[in-house]
Amino acid sequence: MPITKIYPTSHFVRVYKKLPENIKARAKQQEKKFIINSFDTSLKTHKLKGELEGFWSYSVNYQYRILFRFMKGDEVLYYDIGTHEIYR
């Protein structure tokens, strides 16, 4: 099912603004795929465990990830974007 709405948290927006332009561009490309198919294999979408149980992540590139939660139906809440440091 395609994603119809993505809600970024204020933290996500703040961190996103500080990213290098090439990472922002790549994030936009990956988000387009994510909207069409959240489990596109190139995104490497996966469920997180431990303290981040209930959260999911998908790859922007080899280093960067987007941390999110599925909401009701076809809506998503973006929490963070960054390297593996976001998992701490």
C-alpha atoms as a PDB file:
ATOM      1  CA  MET A   1       0.000   0.000   0.000  1.00  0.00           C
ATOM      2  CA  PRO A   2       1.464   3.402  -0.937  1.00  0.00           C
ATOM      3  CA  ILE A   3       2.197   5.955   1.787  1.00  0.00           C
ATOM      4  CA  THR A   4      -0.133   8.949   1.503  1.00  0.00           C
ATOM      5  CA  LYS A   5       1.221  11.195   4.250  1.00  0.00           C
ATOM      6  CA  ILE A   6       4.596  11.650   5.945  1.00  0.00           C
ATOM      7  CA  TYR A   7       4.771  13.731   9.102  1.00  0.00           C
ATOM      8  CA  PRO A   8       8.293  14.853  10.085  1.00  0.00           C
ATOM      9  CA  THR A   9       8.963  15.662  13.748  1.00  0.00           C
ATOM     10  CA  SER A  10      10.552  19.029  14.553  1.00  0.00           C
ATOM     11  CA  HIS A  11      13.747  17.133  15.451  1.00  0.00           C
ATOM     12  CA  PHE A  12      13.787  15.473  12.016  1.00  0.00           C
ATOM     13  CA  VAL A  13      13.350  18.841  10.265  1.00  0.00           C
ATOM     14  CA  ARG A  14      16.157  20.420  12.313  1.00  0.00           C
ATOM     15  CA  VAL A  15      18.606  17.579  11.597  1.00  0.00           C
ATOM     16  CA  TYR A  16      17.602  17.365   7.916  1.00  0.00           C
ATOM     17  CA  LYS A  17      18.353  21.066   7.352  1.00  0.00           C
ATOM     18  CA  LYS A  18      21.949  20.533   8.534  1.00  0.00           C
ATOM     19  CA  LEU A  19      22.658  17.636   6.148  1.00  0.00           C
ATOM     20  CA  PRO A  20      24.959  18.035   3.123  1.00  0.00           C
ATOM     21  CA  GLU A  21      23.030  18.856  -0.078  1.00  0.00           C
ATOM     22  CA  ASN A  22      23.972  15.533  -1.732  1.00  0.00           C
ATOM     23  CA  ILE A  23      22.471  13.592   1.207  1.00  0.00           C
ATOM     24  CA  LYS A  24      19.276  15.686   1.071  1.00  0.00           C
ATOM     25  CA  ALA A  25      18.960  14.943  -2.662  1.00  0.00           C
ATOM     26  CA  ARG A  26      19.501  11.216  -2.075  1.00  0.00           C
ATOM     27  CA  ALA A  27      16.964  11.236   0.782  1.00  0.00           C
ATOM     28  CA  LYS A  28      14.370  12.764  -1.556  1.00  0.00           C
ATOM     29  CA  GLN A  29      15.054  10.063  -4.178  1.00  0.00           C
ATOM     30  CA  GLN A  30      14.704   7.299  -1.615  1.00  0.00           C
ATOM     31  CA  GLU A  31      11.561   8.862  -0.151  1.00  0.00           C
ATOM     32  CA  LYS A  32       9.908   8.689  -3.595  1.00  0.00           C
ATOM     33  CA  LYS A  33      10.566   4.942  -3.629  1.00  0.00           C
ATOM     34  CA  PHE A  34       9.387   4.662  -0.017  1.00  0.00           C
ATOM     35  CA  ILE A  35       6.057   6.343  -0.846  1.00  0.00           C
ATOM     36  CA  ILE A  36       5.383   3.894  -3.685  1.00  0.00           C
ATOM     37  CA  ASN A  37       6.618   0.766  -1.890  1.00  0.00           C
ATOM     38  CA  SER A  38       7.827   1.015   1.725  1.00  0.00           C
ATOM     39  CA  PHE A  39       9.548  -2.341   1.365  1.00  0.00           C
ATOM     40  CA  ASP A  40      11.391  -1.748  -1.921  1.00  0.00           C
ATOM     41  CA  THR A  41      14.508  -3.922  -1.578  1.00  0.00           C
ATOM     42  CA  SER A  42      16.858  -1.009  -2.327  1.00  0.00           C
ATOM     43  CA  LEU A  43      15.579   0.751   0.828  1.00  0.00           C
ATOM     44  CA  LYS A  44      16.504  -2.131   3.148  1.00  0.00           C
ATOM     45  CA  THR A  45      13.494  -1.275   5.334  1.00  0.00           C
ATOM     46  CA  HIS A  46      13.676  -3.111   8.628  1.00  0.00           C
ATOM     47  CA  LYS A  47      12.079  -3.270  12.050  1.00  0.00           C
ATOM     48  CA  LEU A  48      14.263  -2.211  14.985  1.00  0.00           C
ATOM     49  CA  LYS A  49      14.712  -4.058  18.272  1.00  0.00           C
ATOM     50  CA  GLY A  50      15.604  -3.309  21.863  1.00  0.00           C
ATOM     51  CA  GLU A  51      15.097   0.278  23.031  1.00  0.00           C
ATOM     52  CA  LEU A  52      13.885   1.217  19.545  1.00  0.00           C
ATOM     53  CA  GLU A  53      11.247  -1.531  19.342  1.00  0.00           C
ATOM     54  CA  GLY A  54       8.243  -0.218  17.423  1.00  0.00           C
ATOM     55  CA  PHE A  55      10.460   1.894  15.156  1.00  0.00           C
ATOM     56  CA  TRP A  56      11.544   1.132  11.615  1.00  0.00           C
ATOM     57  CA  SER A  57      14.431   2.326   9.477  1.00  0.00           C
ATOM     58  CA  TYR A  58      15.261   2.584   5.794  1.00  0.00           C
ATOM     59  CA  SER A  59      18.482   3.413   3.978  1.00  0.00           C
ATOM     60  CA  VAL A  60      19.181   6.725   2.296  1.00  0.00           C
ATOM     61  CA  ASN A  61      22.611   5.446   1.250  1.00  0.00           C
ATOM     62  CA  TYR A  62      25.269   3.175   2.756  1.00  0.00           C
ATOM     63  CA  GLN A  63      25.788   5.508   5.758  1.00  0.00           C
ATOM     64  CA  TYR A  64      22.514   7.375   6.281  1.00  0.00           C
ATOM     65  CA  ARG A  65      19.180   6.059   7.560  1.00  0.00           C
ATOM     66  CA  ILE A  66      15.722   7.460   8.232  1.00  0.00           C
ATOM     67  CA  LEU A  67      14.138   6.412  11.527  1.00  0.00           C
ATOM     68  CA  PHE A  68      10.335   6.283  11.395  1.00  0.00           C
ATOM     69  CA  ARG A  69       7.127   4.714  12.661  1.00  0.00           C
ATOM     70  CA  PHE A  70       4.135   3.484  10.720  1.00  0.00           C
ATOM     71  CA  MET A  71       1.011   5.280  11.920  1.00  0.00           C
ATOM     72  CA  LYS A  72      -2.601   4.402  11.236  1.00  0.00           C
ATOM     73  CA  GLY A  73      -3.219   3.132   7.740  1.00  0.00           C
ATOM     74  CA  ASP A  74      -0.877   4.662   5.201  1.00  0.00           C
ATOM     75  CA  GLU A  75       0.709   7.420   7.295  1.00  0.00           C
ATOM     76  CA  VAL A  76       4.295   7.594   8.561  1.00  0.00           C
ATOM     77  CA  LEU A  77       6.033   9.683  11.231  1.00  0.00           C
ATOM     78  CA  TYR A  78       9.708  10.519  10.557  1.00  0.00           C
ATOM     79  CA  TYR A  79      11.744  10.810  13.781  1.00  0.00           C
ATOM     80  CA  ASP A  80      15.370  11.146  12.723  1.00  0.00           C
ATOM     81  CA  ILE A  81      17.845  10.997   9.854  1.00  0.00           C
ATOM     82  CA  GLY A  82      21.549  10.317  10.114  1.00  0.00           C
ATOM     83  CA  THR A  83      24.270   7.702  10.344  1.00  0.00           C
ATOM     84  CA  HIS A  84      24.013   4.678  12.641  1.00  0.00           C
ATOM     85  CA  GLU A  85      24.404   7.182  15.518  1.00  0.00           C
ATOM     86  CA  ILE A  86      20.619   7.694  15.370  1.00  0.00           C
ATOM     87  CA  TYR A  87      20.171   4.246  16.896  1.00  0.00           C
ATOM     88  CA  ARG A  88      21.782   5.363  20.157  1.00  0.00           C
END
